[in-house]
């Protein structure tokens, strides 16, 4: 969101190279999870936060265009991925299932740590 505001500022816009710098690591985050291929980011807020204010449907940059996608489609795939994970529930978490549509950043109960 901050990058969009900075790029579109009518008074002090940042150089368009700022977007290229921001997206330079995207290739390492492109992957396949639960049968869906998309630009990954674990918590759903990373996919959806900006879309509270900006309609990203049909918005492509060079990276998304090269993957025949846009940021809205990418976010949709992230939600579908998380729902598929909740249905599969490989770690047998209580409450996971078809009605869970996504996970976001949070602290879990107690001192639980993944080894």
N, C-alpha and C. Protein backbone atom coordinates (compact mmCIF):
# COMPACT_ATOMS: atom_id res chain seq x y z
N UNK A 1 0.83 -1.19 0.00
CA UNK A 1 0.00 0.00 0.00
C UNK A 1 0.87 1.26 0.00
N UNK A 2 1.92 1.24 0.82
CA UNK A 2 2.80 2.41 0.90
C UNK A 2 3.48 2.66 -0.45
N UNK A 3 3.90 1.58 -1.12
CA UNK A 3 4.53 1.76 -2.43
C UNK A 3 3.56 2.35 -3.43
N UNK A 4 2.32 1.92 -3.42
CA UNK A 4 1.33 2.49 -4.34
C UNK A 4 1.12 3.97 -4.08
N UNK A 5 1.02 4.34 -2.82
CA UNK A 5 0.87 5.75 -2.47
C UNK A 5 2.09 6.56 -2.89
N UNK A 6 3.27 6.01 -2.67
CA UNK A 6 4.50 6.71 -3.03
C UNK A 6 4.65 6.86 -4.54
N UNK A 7 4.32 5.81 -5.28
CA UNK A 7 4.42 5.88 -6.74
C UNK A 7 3.41 6.86 -7.33
N UNK A 8 2.23 6.95 -6.72
CA UNK A 8 1.18 7.79 -7.26
C UNK A 8 1.09 9.17 -6.65
N UNK A 9 2.02 9.54 -5.80
CA UNK A 9 1.96 10.85 -5.17
C UNK A 9 1.96 11.97 -6.21
N UNK A 10 1.01 12.90 -6.12
CA UNK A 10 0.98 14.00 -7.09
C UNK A 10 2.06 15.05 -6.83
N UNK A 11 2.68 15.04 -5.65
CA UNK A 11 3.67 16.07 -5.33
C UNK A 11 5.10 15.55 -5.25
N UNK A 12 5.31 14.40 -4.62
CA UNK A 12 6.66 13.87 -4.44
C UNK A 12 6.71 12.38 -4.74
N UNK A 13 6.40 11.97 -5.96
CA UNK A 13 6.41 10.53 -6.25
C UNK A 13 7.82 9.96 -6.22
N UNK A 14 7.91 8.70 -5.81
CA UNK A 14 9.20 8.01 -5.88
C UNK A 14 9.42 7.55 -7.32
N UNK A 15 10.64 7.23 -7.64
CA UNK A 15 10.96 6.75 -8.99
C UNK A 15 10.31 5.40 -9.24
N UNK A 16 9.95 5.12 -10.47
CA UNK A 16 9.34 3.83 -10.78
C UNK A 16 10.29 2.67 -10.48
N UNK A 17 11.57 2.96 -10.39
CA UNK A 17 12.54 1.91 -10.04
C UNK A 17 12.29 1.38 -8.62
N UNK A 18 11.58 2.14 -7.79
CA UNK A 18 11.25 1.67 -6.44
C UNK A 18 10.39 0.42 -6.51
N UNK A 19 9.47 0.36 -7.47
CA UNK A 19 8.63 -0.84 -7.61
C UNK A 19 9.47 -2.03 -8.04
N UNK A 20 10.39 -1.80 -8.96
CA UNK A 20 11.28 -2.89 -9.40
C UNK A 20 12.10 -3.41 -8.24
N UNK A 21 12.56 -2.52 -7.39
CA UNK A 21 13.34 -2.95 -6.22
C UNK A 21 12.45 -3.74 -5.26
N UNK A 22 11.22 -3.27 -5.04
CA UNK A 22 10.29 -3.94 -4.13
C UNK A 22 9.97 -5.35 -4.63
N UNK A 23 9.78 -5.52 -5.92
CA UNK A 23 9.37 -6.81 -6.48
C UNK A 23 10.54 -7.69 -6.88
N UNK A 24 11.75 -7.25 -6.65
CA UNK A 24 12.93 -8.00 -7.12
C UNK A 24 13.03 -9.39 -6.49
N UNK A 25 12.46 -9.61 -5.34
CA UNK A 25 12.53 -10.92 -4.69
C UNK A 25 11.36 -11.83 -4.98
N UNK A 26 10.43 -11.38 -5.84
CA UNK A 26 9.23 -12.16 -6.10
C UNK A 26 9.52 -13.54 -6.68
N UNK A 27 10.54 -13.67 -7.50
CA UNK A 27 10.83 -14.97 -8.13
C UNK A 27 11.07 -16.05 -7.07
N UNK A 28 11.67 -15.68 -5.93
CA UNK A 28 11.92 -16.65 -4.87
C UNK A 28 10.64 -17.00 -4.11
N UNK A 29 9.60 -16.19 -4.25
CA UNK A 29 8.35 -16.43 -3.53
C UNK A 29 7.27 -17.05 -4.41
N UNK A 30 7.57 -17.27 -5.68
CA UNK A 30 6.61 -17.92 -6.57
C UNK A 30 6.69 -19.41 -6.31
N UNK A 31 5.55 -20.04 -6.06
CA UNK A 31 5.60 -21.46 -5.77
C UNK A 31 4.25 -22.12 -5.88
N UNK A 32 4.24 -23.40 -5.66
CA UNK A 32 3.04 -24.21 -5.73
C UNK A 32 2.74 -24.77 -4.35
N UNK A 33 1.54 -24.50 -3.86
CA UNK A 33 1.10 -24.99 -2.55
C UNK A 33 -0.31 -25.53 -2.71
N UNK A 34 -0.56 -26.71 -2.20
CA UNK A 34 -1.89 -27.32 -2.25
C UNK A 34 -2.44 -27.35 -3.69
N UNK A 35 -1.56 -27.45 -4.65
CA UNK A 35 -1.99 -27.54 -6.05
C UNK A 35 -2.23 -26.21 -6.74
N UNK A 36 -2.00 -25.11 -6.04
CA UNK A 36 -2.17 -23.77 -6.62
C UNK A 36 -0.82 -23.11 -6.78
N UNK A 37 -0.59 -22.48 -7.91
CA UNK A 37 0.68 -21.81 -8.17
C UNK A 37 0.46 -20.30 -8.13
N UNK A 38 1.22 -19.62 -7.25
CA UNK A 38 1.02 -18.19 -7.07
C UNK A 38 2.20 -17.57 -6.32
N UNK A 39 2.17 -16.25 -6.22
CA UNK A 39 3.15 -15.51 -5.44
C UNK A 39 2.77 -15.66 -3.97
N UNK A 40 3.59 -16.36 -3.22
CA UNK A 40 3.22 -16.76 -1.86
C UNK A 40 3.59 -15.71 -0.82
N UNK A 41 2.85 -15.72 0.24
CA UNK A 41 3.08 -14.95 1.45
C UNK A 41 2.18 -15.60 2.48
N UNK A 42 2.73 -16.11 3.55
CA UNK A 42 1.97 -16.93 4.48
C UNK A 42 0.65 -16.37 4.97
N UNK A 43 0.67 -15.31 5.75
CA UNK A 43 -0.59 -14.78 6.29
C UNK A 43 -1.42 -14.12 5.19
N UNK A 44 -2.72 -14.28 5.25
CA UNK A 44 -3.58 -13.71 4.21
C UNK A 44 -3.57 -12.20 4.18
N UNK A 45 -3.28 -11.54 5.28
CA UNK A 45 -3.29 -10.07 5.23
C UNK A 45 -2.31 -9.53 4.20
N UNK A 46 -1.23 -10.27 3.96
CA UNK A 46 -0.25 -9.84 2.95
C UNK A 46 -0.82 -9.85 1.55
N UNK A 47 -1.83 -10.66 1.32
CA UNK A 47 -2.48 -10.71 0.02
C UNK A 47 -3.66 -9.75 -0.06
N UNK A 48 -4.31 -9.49 1.05
CA UNK A 48 -5.59 -8.79 1.03
C UNK A 48 -5.58 -7.37 1.56
N UNK A 49 -4.62 -7.00 2.35
CA UNK A 49 -4.63 -5.71 3.03
C UNK A 49 -4.82 -4.54 2.06
N UNK A 50 -4.00 -4.47 1.04
CA UNK A 50 -4.09 -3.36 0.09
C UNK A 50 -5.44 -3.34 -0.61
N UNK A 51 -6.02 -4.51 -0.84
CA UNK A 51 -7.27 -4.58 -1.59
C UNK A 51 -8.48 -4.07 -0.80
N UNK A 52 -8.28 -3.73 0.45
CA UNK A 52 -9.34 -3.06 1.20
C UNK A 52 -9.60 -1.69 0.58
N UNK A 53 -8.54 -1.06 0.05
CA UNK A 53 -8.65 0.29 -0.50
C UNK A 53 -8.45 0.36 -2.01
N UNK A 54 -7.78 -0.61 -2.60
CA UNK A 54 -7.44 -0.55 -4.02
C UNK A 54 -7.94 -1.81 -4.72
N UNK A 55 -8.69 -1.62 -5.80
CA UNK A 55 -9.15 -2.76 -6.59
C UNK A 55 -8.00 -3.21 -7.48
N UNK A 56 -7.42 -4.34 -7.17
CA UNK A 56 -6.26 -4.85 -7.91
C UNK A 56 -6.65 -5.80 -9.04
N UNK A 57 -7.92 -5.94 -9.30
CA UNK A 57 -8.38 -6.80 -10.39
C UNK A 57 -7.86 -6.27 -11.72
N UNK A 58 -7.16 -7.13 -12.44
CA UNK A 58 -6.61 -6.75 -13.74
C UNK A 58 -5.30 -5.99 -13.67
N UNK A 59 -4.80 -5.71 -12.48
CA UNK A 59 -3.54 -4.96 -12.33
C UNK A 59 -2.37 -5.93 -12.46
N UNK A 60 -1.53 -5.64 -13.46
CA UNK A 60 -0.35 -6.47 -13.70
C UNK A 60 0.89 -5.60 -13.76
N UNK A 61 1.97 -6.11 -13.29
CA UNK A 61 3.28 -5.54 -13.55
C UNK A 61 4.02 -6.59 -14.38
N UNK A 62 5.27 -6.38 -14.66
CA UNK A 62 6.01 -7.32 -15.50
C UNK A 62 6.01 -8.72 -14.91
N UNK A 63 6.18 -8.82 -13.58
CA UNK A 63 6.24 -10.14 -12.95
C UNK A 63 4.92 -10.88 -13.10
N UNK A 64 3.83 -10.24 -12.73
CA UNK A 64 2.52 -10.90 -12.81
C UNK A 64 2.15 -11.21 -14.26
N UNK A 65 2.47 -10.31 -15.15
CA UNK A 65 2.20 -10.56 -16.57
C UNK A 65 2.95 -11.79 -17.07
N UNK A 66 4.19 -11.95 -16.63
CA UNK A 66 4.99 -13.10 -17.06
C UNK A 66 4.43 -14.42 -16.53
N UNK A 67 3.56 -14.34 -15.50
CA UNK A 67 2.93 -15.53 -14.94
C UNK A 67 1.44 -15.60 -15.29
N UNK A 68 1.04 -14.78 -16.28
CA UNK A 68 -0.36 -14.75 -16.73
C UNK A 68 -1.33 -14.60 -15.56
N UNK A 69 -1.02 -13.65 -14.68
CA UNK A 69 -1.83 -13.43 -13.49
C UNK A 69 -1.92 -11.94 -13.22
N UNK A 70 -2.69 -11.58 -12.21
CA UNK A 70 -2.72 -10.22 -11.69
C UNK A 70 -2.81 -10.33 -10.16
N UNK A 71 -2.77 -9.21 -9.48
CA UNK A 71 -2.71 -9.26 -8.02
C UNK A 71 -4.02 -9.73 -7.39
N UNK A 72 -5.15 -9.48 -8.04
CA UNK A 72 -6.42 -9.99 -7.52
C UNK A 72 -6.48 -11.51 -7.66
N UNK A 73 -6.15 -12.03 -8.85
CA UNK A 73 -6.14 -13.48 -9.05
C UNK A 73 -5.18 -14.15 -8.07
N UNK A 74 -4.02 -13.51 -7.86
CA UNK A 74 -3.04 -14.07 -6.94
C UNK A 74 -3.61 -14.18 -5.53
N UNK A 75 -4.31 -13.15 -5.09
CA UNK A 75 -4.91 -13.18 -3.75
C UNK A 75 -6.00 -14.23 -3.67
N UNK A 76 -6.76 -14.39 -4.72
CA UNK A 76 -7.81 -15.41 -4.76
C UNK A 76 -7.18 -16.80 -4.60
N UNK A 77 -6.08 -17.04 -5.30
CA UNK A 77 -5.39 -18.33 -5.19
C UNK A 77 -4.85 -18.55 -3.78
N UNK A 78 -4.40 -17.49 -3.13
CA UNK A 78 -3.92 -17.61 -1.75
C UNK A 78 -5.04 -18.06 -0.82
N UNK A 79 -6.24 -17.50 -1.00
CA UNK A 79 -7.38 -17.90 -0.17
C UNK A 79 -7.75 -19.35 -0.44
N UNK A 80 -7.81 -19.73 -1.72
CA UNK A 80 -8.15 -21.11 -2.07
C UNK A 80 -7.11 -22.08 -1.52
N UNK A 81 -5.84 -21.69 -1.55
CA UNK A 81 -4.77 -22.51 -1.01
C UNK A 81 -4.95 -22.74 0.48
N UNK A 82 -5.25 -21.65 1.19
CA UNK A 82 -5.41 -21.79 2.64
C UNK A 82 -6.65 -22.61 2.99
N UNK A 83 -7.71 -22.48 2.21
CA UNK A 83 -8.88 -23.30 2.45
C UNK A 83 -8.56 -24.77 2.20
N UNK A 84 -7.83 -25.05 1.11
CA UNK A 84 -7.44 -26.44 0.82
C UNK A 84 -6.57 -27.00 1.94
N UNK A 85 -5.67 -26.18 2.48
CA UNK A 85 -4.84 -26.62 3.59
C UNK A 85 -5.69 -26.93 4.82
N UNK A 86 -6.67 -26.07 5.10
CA UNK A 86 -7.54 -26.29 6.26
C UNK A 86 -8.35 -27.57 6.10
N UNK A 87 -8.77 -27.87 4.89
CA UNK A 87 -9.52 -29.10 4.63
C UNK A 87 -8.60 -30.32 4.80
N UNK A 88 -7.39 -30.23 4.24
CA UNK A 88 -6.43 -31.34 4.36
C UNK A 88 -6.00 -31.52 5.82
N UNK A 89 -5.81 -30.42 6.53
CA UNK A 89 -5.45 -30.41 7.94
C UNK A 89 -4.36 -31.44 8.28
N UNK A 90 -3.18 -31.30 7.67
CA UNK A 90 -2.15 -32.32 7.86
C UNK A 90 -1.63 -32.45 9.29
N UNK A 91 -1.79 -31.42 10.10
CA UNK A 91 -1.32 -31.50 11.49
C UNK A 91 -2.46 -31.75 12.47
N UNK A 92 -3.65 -32.04 11.94
CA UNK A 92 -4.83 -32.38 12.74
C UNK A 92 -5.19 -31.31 13.76
N UNK A 93 -5.15 -30.04 13.35
CA UNK A 93 -5.51 -28.94 14.24
C UNK A 93 -7.02 -28.93 14.48
N UNK A 94 -7.43 -28.71 15.70
CA UNK A 94 -8.84 -28.61 16.05
C UNK A 94 -9.44 -27.37 15.39
N UNK A 95 -10.60 -27.51 14.77
CA UNK A 95 -11.29 -26.39 14.15
C UNK A 95 -10.98 -26.18 12.68
N UNK A 96 -9.94 -26.83 12.17
CA UNK A 96 -9.64 -26.70 10.75
C UNK A 96 -10.65 -27.53 9.96
N UNK A 97 -11.00 -27.07 8.78
CA UNK A 97 -11.93 -27.79 7.93
C UNK A 97 -12.43 -26.90 6.81
N UNK A 98 -13.48 -27.35 6.15
CA UNK A 98 -13.99 -26.67 4.95
C UNK A 98 -14.48 -25.25 5.22
N UNK A 99 -14.83 -24.94 6.45
CA UNK A 99 -15.34 -23.60 6.74
C UNK A 99 -14.26 -22.61 7.17
N UNK A 100 -13.01 -23.03 7.16
CA UNK A 100 -11.90 -22.13 7.49
C UNK A 100 -11.33 -21.61 6.18
N UNK A 101 -11.42 -20.31 5.99
CA UNK A 101 -11.02 -19.71 4.72
C UNK A 101 -9.71 -18.97 4.78
N UNK A 102 -8.96 -19.11 5.82
CA UNK A 102 -7.65 -18.48 5.81
C UNK A 102 -7.07 -18.26 7.19
N UNK A 103 -5.77 -18.18 7.20
CA UNK A 103 -5.01 -17.97 8.41
C UNK A 103 -4.26 -16.66 8.26
N UNK A 104 -4.08 -15.97 9.34
CA UNK A 104 -3.33 -14.73 9.29
C UNK A 104 -2.29 -14.75 10.40
N UNK A 105 -1.51 -13.72 10.47
CA UNK A 105 -0.47 -13.66 11.49
C UNK A 105 -1.11 -13.61 12.87
N UNK A 106 -0.60 -14.42 13.76
CA UNK A 106 -1.14 -14.43 15.12
C UNK A 106 -0.18 -15.16 16.04
N UNK A 107 -0.42 -15.01 17.31
CA UNK A 107 0.30 -15.79 18.30
C UNK A 107 -0.60 -16.92 18.73
N UNK A 108 -0.05 -18.09 18.82
CA UNK A 108 -0.83 -19.24 19.25
C UNK A 108 -0.86 -19.33 20.76
N UNK A 109 -1.54 -20.34 21.27
CA UNK A 109 -1.62 -20.51 22.72
C UNK A 109 -0.31 -21.02 23.30
N UNK A 110 0.02 -20.59 24.47
CA UNK A 110 1.17 -21.13 25.20
C UNK A 110 2.49 -20.89 24.54
N UNK A 111 3.42 -21.79 24.83
CA UNK A 111 4.80 -21.69 24.33
C UNK A 111 5.06 -22.63 23.15
N UNK A 112 4.03 -22.91 22.37
CA UNK A 112 4.18 -23.84 21.26
C UNK A 112 5.22 -23.38 20.27
N UNK A 113 6.08 -24.29 19.86
CA UNK A 113 7.10 -24.00 18.86
C UNK A 113 7.18 -25.17 17.89
N UNK A 114 7.39 -24.86 16.63
CA UNK A 114 7.59 -25.91 15.63
C UNK A 114 9.06 -26.28 15.62
N UNK A 115 9.33 -27.54 15.78
CA UNK A 115 10.73 -28.01 15.84
C UNK A 115 11.34 -28.07 14.47
